[in-house]
Protein backbone atom coordinates (compact mmCIF):
# COMPACT_ATOMS: atom_id res chain seq x y z
CA MET A 1 118.98 95.25 157.19
CA ARG A 2 116.56 96.78 154.71
CA TYR A 3 115.85 95.49 151.20
CA LEU A 4 115.45 97.86 148.28
CA ASP A 5 111.68 97.21 148.21
CA GLY A 6 111.49 98.58 151.78
CA SER A 7 110.90 95.30 153.61
CA ARG A 8 112.99 94.74 156.74
CA SER A 9 113.13 90.98 157.16
CA LEU A 10 113.16 87.72 155.25
CA ARG A 11 109.99 86.78 157.13
CA THR A 12 108.25 89.81 155.60
CA LYS A 13 109.80 89.35 152.18
CA PHE A 14 108.94 85.66 151.88
CA SER A 15 105.72 85.48 153.90
CA SER A 16 103.95 84.04 150.86
CA MET A 17 106.05 80.86 151.11
CA GLN A 18 103.77 78.81 153.32
CA ILE A 19 105.18 75.30 153.74
CA GLN A 20 102.96 72.30 154.36
CA ARG A 21 104.38 69.89 156.94
CA ASP A 22 103.96 66.14 157.28
CA THR A 23 102.18 65.66 160.61
CA ARG A 24 101.11 62.04 160.20
CA GLY A 25 101.83 59.91 163.24
CA ALA A 26 100.54 58.85 166.62
CA GLU A 27 101.07 59.71 170.26
CA LEU A 28 102.22 56.56 172.08
CA GLY A 29 102.45 58.04 175.56
CA PRO A 30 103.79 61.05 177.44
CA ASN A 31 106.57 62.60 175.32
CA GLN A 32 106.62 59.63 172.97
CA TYR A 33 105.48 59.94 169.38
CA GLU A 34 105.76 57.75 166.30
CA ASP A 35 105.75 59.34 162.85
CA ALA A 36 104.40 57.85 159.61
CA GLU A 37 107.73 56.08 158.92
CA GLY A 38 107.86 54.46 162.37
CA TYR A 39 110.50 56.69 163.97
CA LEU A 40 110.07 57.40 167.68
CA ALA A 41 110.77 60.80 169.20
CA PRO A 42 109.79 63.02 172.15
CA LEU A 43 108.22 65.56 169.73
CA ALA A 44 105.17 65.12 167.53
CA ALA A 45 105.74 64.96 163.77
CA GLY A 46 105.49 68.44 162.24
CA SER A 47 106.94 70.28 165.23
CA GLY A 48 110.43 71.58 165.92
CA PRO A 49 113.18 69.71 164.09
CA ARG A 50 110.60 67.14 162.93
CA SER A 51 109.09 69.57 160.42
CA ASN A 52 109.33 67.67 157.15
CA PRO A 53 108.07 69.70 154.18
CA LEU A 54 105.50 68.21 151.79
CA GLY A 55 105.39 68.89 148.05
CA GLU A 56 107.23 71.82 146.55
CA PHE A 57 109.69 73.32 149.02
CA PRO A 58 111.08 76.77 148.14
CA THR A 59 114.84 76.62 148.61
CA GLY A 60 115.72 79.89 146.92
CA PRO A 61 116.75 81.02 143.46
CA ALA A 62 117.97 78.41 140.97
CA ILE A 63 121.60 78.35 139.83
CA GLY A 64 122.04 81.21 137.38
CA GLU A 65 118.82 82.96 138.43
CA ARG A 66 119.21 86.60 139.48
CA LEU A 67 119.11 87.09 143.24
CA PRO A 68 116.85 89.74 144.78
CA ASP A 69 118.28 93.23 145.24
CA VAL A 70 119.95 93.11 148.66
CA VAL A 71 121.88 95.79 150.53
CA THR A 72 123.30 94.58 153.84
CA SER A 73 126.45 94.64 155.95
CA ASP A 74 129.26 92.11 155.89
CA SER A 75 130.91 90.50 158.93
CA ASP A 76 133.09 93.62 159.37
CA GLY A 77 130.11 96.00 159.30
CA ARG A 78 130.80 97.37 155.79
CA ILE A 79 127.75 98.02 153.58
CA VAL A 80 127.49 95.62 150.64
CA ASP A 81 125.15 96.05 147.65
CA LEU A 82 124.98 92.57 146.15
CA HIS A 83 124.58 93.62 142.51
CA HIS A 84 126.48 96.94 142.50
CA ASP A 85 129.63 95.73 144.27
CA ARG A 86 130.25 92.74 142.01
CA GLU A 87 130.07 94.80 138.78
CA SER A 88 128.26 92.07 136.75
CA GLN A 89 130.86 89.44 137.68
CA PRO A 90 129.76 85.99 138.92
CA VAL A 91 129.53 85.62 142.68
CA VAL A 92 129.45 82.81 145.22
CA LEU A 93 127.15 83.73 148.07
CA ILE A 94 127.58 81.76 151.31
CA PHE A 95 125.22 82.02 154.28
CA THR A 96 126.45 80.77 157.65
CA ARG A 97 124.05 80.18 160.49
CA SER A 98 125.17 81.98 163.61
CA VAL A 99 125.85 80.03 166.80
CA VAL A 100 124.64 83.04 168.79
CA TRP A 101 120.92 82.75 169.47
């Protein structure tokens, strides 16, 4: 996928969105950590699925805000230009995370 500004990935496009993570907690023993709220887990706070954002967290455009210019392919491989193909009509855009890693 390539965006109209020439970037090739969301990582490149949104690299300025650096998220601070809550890493407060303590190591209690091998593979046992307690976070600032007292939850126990085998991973330290701030790593893996325990990455809780602090402060402002960029979640994307607000409702009604214009989306970036995106040209990509749909699930059938057809090219879709987000703004051109909808002809100024409202759109519902749904992202589904793939189960294929």
